Amino acid sequence: MSGRMGRLLVEEIAAAGAHLSGGVGRALPAEVADLAAASDVVIDFTRASAVSTHGAALAASGTAWVLGTSGLSASDEAAVAEAAQRIPVVYAANFSAGVTLVLALAERMAAALPAAQYDAEILEMHHRQKVDAPSGTALALGRAVAAGRAVDLATVMQSGRDGHTGPRETGAIGFATLRGGQVVGEHSLLFAGADEQIVLTHRAFDRRTFASGAVRAAVWAAGKPPGLYGMRDVLGLG
């Protein structure tokens, strides 16, 4: 719990009146199992390579899991889904209440703005230390747009354009990534039509918004039945 997010989580747990049973950094499997055994809920902001191990340990102990690690592979997400068959899992690319509402709006806007008339583009910027791109939140925005248009994001996603790419494909969902400085997180979704442009933007100025959201999710998840949940469930958005 020595990192920036770890310190904020400690403060937000205390503010919520919850009890902190312990914490680990780059944990060994045995340490995660011990933590799970001592906890009702484990909040996990570690690394994608540990997701499968953590999921197995938490499922074995029956401990709820709040997971905010980004950059998960298809096999990592399968491990999360497997754990959710045995324990409640709140998995979110972003625990900010504002981002959760933006995602809900993005899906509704995409359903109302036809892909043939409105091009969808997603722009995100983060601090220079971030290792994955596009960000988990940007991908969540893309999935929200794809859901609103009843398509699979993988079939329409365009990322990292370079060189002579030709004209833009109708129905594509584009991604652009910026990295620099210590930007906490900025995401914009643009719907560009021939006669108008609509921009939906969220800017995070402090990581505390993620920590407070994760603690809110942990309090909500305690005692819930097994299943895979998101922040929309935590906020009562369905």
Protein backbone atom coordinates (compact mmCIF):
# COMPACT_ATOMS: atom_id res chain seq x y z
CA MET A 1 0.00 0.00 0.00
CA SER A 2 2.99 2.29 -0.49
CA GLY A 3 2.18 3.57 -3.98
CA ARG A 4 0.17 6.69 -4.82
CA MET A 5 -3.07 4.79 -5.25
CA GLY A 6 -2.37 2.66 -2.19
CA ARG A 7 -2.00 5.70 0.04
CA LEU A 8 -5.19 7.23 -1.28
CA LEU A 9 -7.08 3.98 -0.74
CA VAL A 10 -5.96 3.89 2.90
CA GLU A 11 -7.32 7.41 3.40
CA GLU A 12 -10.60 6.71 1.61
CA ILE A 13 -11.16 3.45 3.50
CA ALA A 14 -10.82 5.34 6.76
CA ALA A 15 -13.15 8.08 5.51
CA ALA A 16 -15.78 5.47 4.63
CA GLY A 17 -15.64 4.05 8.15
CA ALA A 18 -14.44 0.68 6.88
CA HIS A 19 -11.70 -1.48 8.41
CA LEU A 20 -8.42 -2.02 6.56
CA SER A 21 -7.31 -5.61 7.16
CA GLY A 22 -4.00 -5.28 5.32
CA GLY A 23 -2.34 -4.70 1.98
CA VAL A 24 0.40 -5.96 -0.28
CA GLY A 25 2.40 -4.49 -3.13
CA ARG A 26 4.07 -6.88 -5.57
CA ALA A 27 2.60 -9.81 -3.76
CA LEU A 28 3.41 -13.51 -3.85
CA PRO A 29 0.42 -15.86 -4.29
CA ALA A 30 0.62 -16.93 -0.65
CA GLU A 31 0.43 -13.30 0.49
CA VAL A 32 -2.66 -12.69 -1.62
CA ALA A 33 -4.29 -15.83 -0.20
CA ASP A 34 -3.55 -14.64 3.36
CA LEU A 35 -4.97 -11.20 2.61
CA ALA A 36 -8.09 -12.72 1.08
CA ALA A 37 -8.64 -14.93 4.11
CA ALA A 38 -8.55 -11.86 6.38
CA SER A 39 -10.82 -9.67 4.24
CA ASP A 40 -14.41 -9.38 3.08
CA VAL A 41 -13.33 -7.51 -0.08
CA VAL A 42 -9.97 -7.05 -1.79
CA ILE A 43 -9.32 -3.95 -3.92
CA ASP A 44 -6.83 -4.76 -6.67
CA PHE A 45 -4.89 -2.09 -8.61
CA THR A 46 -1.78 -4.14 -9.36
CA ARG A 47 -0.69 -5.50 -12.75
CA ALA A 48 -2.33 -7.50 -15.51
CA SER A 49 0.11 -10.42 -15.19
CA ALA A 50 -1.19 -11.08 -11.65
CA VAL A 51 -4.90 -11.10 -12.46
CA SER A 52 -5.24 -14.84 -13.04
CA THR A 53 -3.40 -15.71 -9.81
CA HIS A 54 -5.33 -13.18 -7.77
CA GLY A 55 -8.67 -14.31 -9.18
CA ALA A 56 -7.99 -17.93 -8.27
CA ALA A 57 -6.92 -17.03 -4.72
CA LEU A 58 -9.93 -14.80 -4.08
CA ALA A 59 -12.38 -17.30 -5.55
CA ALA A 60 -10.93 -20.04 -3.34
CA SER A 61 -11.47 -17.92 -0.22
CA GLY A 62 -14.88 -16.57 -1.23
CA THR A 63 -13.65 -12.97 -0.99
CA ALA A 64 -15.23 -10.23 -3.10
CA TRP A 65 -12.92 -8.62 -5.65
CA VAL A 66 -12.82 -4.99 -6.79
CA LEU A 67 -10.53 -4.95 -9.82
CA GLY A 68 -9.19 -1.80 -11.44
CA THR A 69 -6.14 -3.16 -13.26
CA SER A 70 -5.99 -2.13 -16.92
CA GLY A 71 -4.33 -3.72 -19.95
CA LEU A 72 -5.97 -7.13 -19.48
CA SER A 73 -5.63 -9.71 -22.24
CA ALA A 74 -8.45 -11.97 -23.42
CA SER A 75 -7.14 -14.75 -21.17
CA ASP A 76 -6.99 -12.35 -18.20
CA GLU A 77 -10.60 -11.34 -18.78
CA ALA A 78 -11.56 -15.01 -19.01
CA ALA A 79 -9.95 -15.53 -15.57
CA VAL A 80 -12.00 -12.62 -14.20
CA ALA A 81 -15.20 -14.13 -15.62
CA GLU A 82 -14.31 -17.51 -14.13
CA ALA A 83 -13.77 -15.97 -10.69
CA ALA A 84 -17.11 -14.15 -10.99
CA GLN A 85 -18.88 -17.50 -11.09
CA ARG A 86 -17.83 -18.02 -7.47
CA ILE A 87 -17.48 -14.53 -5.98
CA PRO A 88 -18.80 -10.99 -6.59
CA VAL A 89 -16.38 -9.13 -8.87
CA VAL A 90 -16.63 -5.40 -9.59
CA TYR A 91 -14.43 -4.89 -12.63
CA ALA A 92 -14.09 -1.40 -14.09
CA ALA A 93 -11.66 0.41 -16.34
CA ASN A 94 -12.35 3.52 -14.31
CA PHE A 95 -14.00 3.89 -10.88
CA SER A 96 -14.85 7.57 -11.26
CA ALA A 97 -18.57 8.30 -10.93
CA GLY A 98 -18.18 10.89 -13.68
CA VAL A 99 -16.63 8.43 -16.13
CA THR A 100 -19.35 5.90 -15.35
CA LEU A 101 -21.99 8.45 -16.34
CA VAL A 102 -20.00 9.41 -19.46
CA LEU A 103 -19.94 5.76 -20.53
CA ALA A 104 -23.70 5.51 -20.10
CA LEU A 105 -24.21 8.68 -22.14
CA ALA A 106 -21.78 7.47 -24.81
CA GLU A 107 -23.84 4.34 -25.43
CA ARG A 108 -27.09 6.30 -25.70
CA MET A 109 -25.54 8.89 -27.99
CA ALA A 110 -24.08 6.23 -30.26
CA ALA A 111 -27.49 4.61 -30.57
CA ALA A 112 -29.05 7.95 -31.53
CA LEU A 113 -26.32 9.12 -33.95
CA PRO A 114 -26.08 6.77 -36.97
CA ALA A 115 -22.59 5.57 -37.87
CA ALA A 116 -23.18 6.48 -41.52
CA GLN A 117 -23.67 10.14 -40.58
CA TYR A 118 -21.51 10.54 -37.44
CA ASP A 119 -17.89 9.43 -37.21
CA ALA A 120 -16.83 8.40 -33.69
CA GLU A 121 -13.32 9.29 -32.49
CA ILE A 122 -11.82 8.84 -29.01
CA LEU A 123 -8.88 10.92 -27.79
CA GLU A 124 -7.09 10.21 -24.50
CA MET A 125 -4.07 11.59 -22.67
CA HIS A 126 -2.25 10.26 -19.61
CA HIS A 127 1.01 10.76 -17.72
CA ARG A 128 4.26 9.66 -19.31
CA GLN A 129 4.62 6.59 -17.04
CA LYS A 130 1.46 4.85 -18.31
CA VAL A 131 2.41 1.60 -20.04
CA ASP A 132 -0.76 0.56 -21.92
CA ALA A 133 -2.43 2.29 -24.86
CA PRO A 134 -5.19 2.98 -25.60
CA SER A 135 -6.15 3.35 -21.96
CA GLY A 136 -8.68 1.06 -20.35
CA THR A 137 -11.11 3.97 -20.10
CA ALA A 138 -10.68 4.79 -23.80
CA LEU A 139 -11.42 1.18 -24.68
CA ALA A 140 -14.46 1.26 -22.38
CA LEU A 141 -15.67 4.31 -24.30
CA GLY A 142 -15.14 2.42 -27.53
CA ARG A 143 -17.11 -0.55 -26.22
CA ALA A 144 -19.91 1.77 -25.14
CA VAL A 145 -20.12 3.30 -28.62
CA ALA A 146 -19.99 -0.15 -30.20
CA ALA A 147 -22.75 -1.39 -27.91
CA GLY A 148 -24.92 1.58 -28.83
CA ARG A 149 -24.42 0.72 -32.49
CA ALA A 150 -24.83 -3.03 -31.96
CA VAL A 151 -21.40 -3.94 -33.33
CA ASP A 152 -18.29 -5.66 -31.96
CA LEU A 153 -15.57 -3.10 -31.18
CA ALA A 154 -12.85 -5.43 -32.48
CA THR A 155 -14.36 -5.30 -35.97
CA VAL A 156 -14.51 -1.49 -36.24
CA MET A 157 -11.62 -0.25 -34.08
CA GLN A 158 -8.93 1.88 -35.74
CA SER A 159 -5.90 2.85 -33.65
CA GLY A 160 -2.51 4.38 -34.40
CA ARG A 161 -3.09 5.76 -37.89
CA ASP A 162 0.14 6.50 -39.72
CA GLY A 163 1.21 7.18 -43.28
CA HIS A 164 -1.08 7.05 -46.31
CA THR A 165 -4.13 5.41 -44.74
CA GLY A 166 -6.72 6.29 -47.35
CA PRO A 167 -10.15 7.72 -46.52
CA ARG A 168 -11.78 6.98 -43.21
CA GLU A 169 -13.95 3.88 -43.17
CA THR A 170 -17.62 4.45 -42.46
CA GLY A 171 -18.59 3.03 -39.08
CA ALA A 172 -15.03 2.92 -37.74
CA ILE A 173 -14.34 3.90 -34.12
CA GLY A 174 -11.02 5.73 -34.03
CA PHE A 175 -8.55 6.03 -31.17
CA ALA A 176 -5.76 8.56 -30.63
CA THR A 177 -3.35 8.37 -27.70
CA LEU A 178 -1.25 11.10 -26.10
CA ARG A 179 1.33 10.63 -23.32
CA GLY A 180 3.20 13.33 -21.43
CA GLY A 181 3.88 15.05 -18.15
CA GLN A 182 1.78 14.00 -15.18
CA VAL A 183 -1.73 14.17 -16.65
CA VAL A 184 -4.01 12.08 -14.43
CA GLY A 185 -6.43 11.27 -17.23
CA GLU A 186 -8.30 13.05 -20.00
CA HIS A 187 -10.80 11.40 -22.35
CA SER A 188 -12.90 12.89 -25.13
CA LEU A 189 -15.45 11.18 -27.36
CA LEU A 190 -16.22 13.04 -30.58
CA PHE A 191 -19.16 12.43 -32.88
CA ALA A 192 -18.31 14.30 -36.08
CA GLY A 193 -21.06 14.84 -38.63
CA ALA A 194 -21.10 16.84 -41.83
CA ASP A 195 -22.98 19.70 -40.18
CA GLU A 196 -22.19 19.42 -36.48
CA GLN A 197 -19.82 17.94 -33.93
CA ILE A 198 -20.66 16.72 -30.42
CA VAL A 199 -17.87 16.26 -27.86
CA LEU A 200 -18.20 14.43 -24.55
CA THR A 201 -15.17 15.06 -22.29
CA HIS A 202 -14.04 13.93 -18.85
CA ARG A 203 -10.93 15.24 -17.08
CA ALA A 204 -9.57 13.81 -13.85
CA PHE A 205 -7.46 16.22 -11.80
CA ASP A 206 -6.74 13.94 -8.83
CA ARG A 207 -6.38 10.15 -8.52
CA ARG A 208 -8.50 10.35 -5.38
CA THR A 209 -11.61 10.13 -7.55
CA PHE A 210 -10.54 6.61 -8.54
CA ALA A 211 -9.74 5.62 -4.96
CA SER A 212 -13.02 6.89 -3.54
CA GLY A 213 -14.94 5.13 -6.30
CA ALA A 214 -13.12 1.85 -5.65
CA VAL A 215 -13.90 2.04 -1.93
CA ARG A 216 -17.53 2.79 -2.74
CA ALA A 217 -17.54 -0.30 -4.95
CA ALA A 218 -15.97 -2.40 -2.17
CA VAL A 219 -18.60 -1.36 0.36
CA TRP A 220 -21.31 -2.14 -2.19
CA ALA A 221 -19.82 -5.54 -3.15
CA ALA A 222 -19.61 -6.91 0.39
CA GLY A 223 -22.21 -9.65 0.75
CA LYS A 224 -23.36 -9.55 -2.88
CA PRO A 225 -23.97 -12.84 -4.72
CA PRO A 226 -21.38 -14.10 -7.22
CA GLY A 227 -21.38 -12.27 -10.51
CA LEU A 228 -19.52 -9.85 -12.73
CA TYR A 229 -20.52 -6.28 -11.90
CA GLY A 230 -19.47 -2.81 -13.00
CA MET A 231 -19.66 0.72 -11.67
CA ARG A 232 -23.05 1.16 -13.30
CA ASP A 233 -24.34 -1.47 -10.86
CA VAL A 234 -22.63 0.28 -7.95
CA LEU A 235 -24.25 3.62 -8.89
CA GLY A 236 -27.63 1.99 -9.45
CA LEU A 237 -27.67 2.66 -13.19
CA GLY A 238 -28.28 -0.98 -14.12
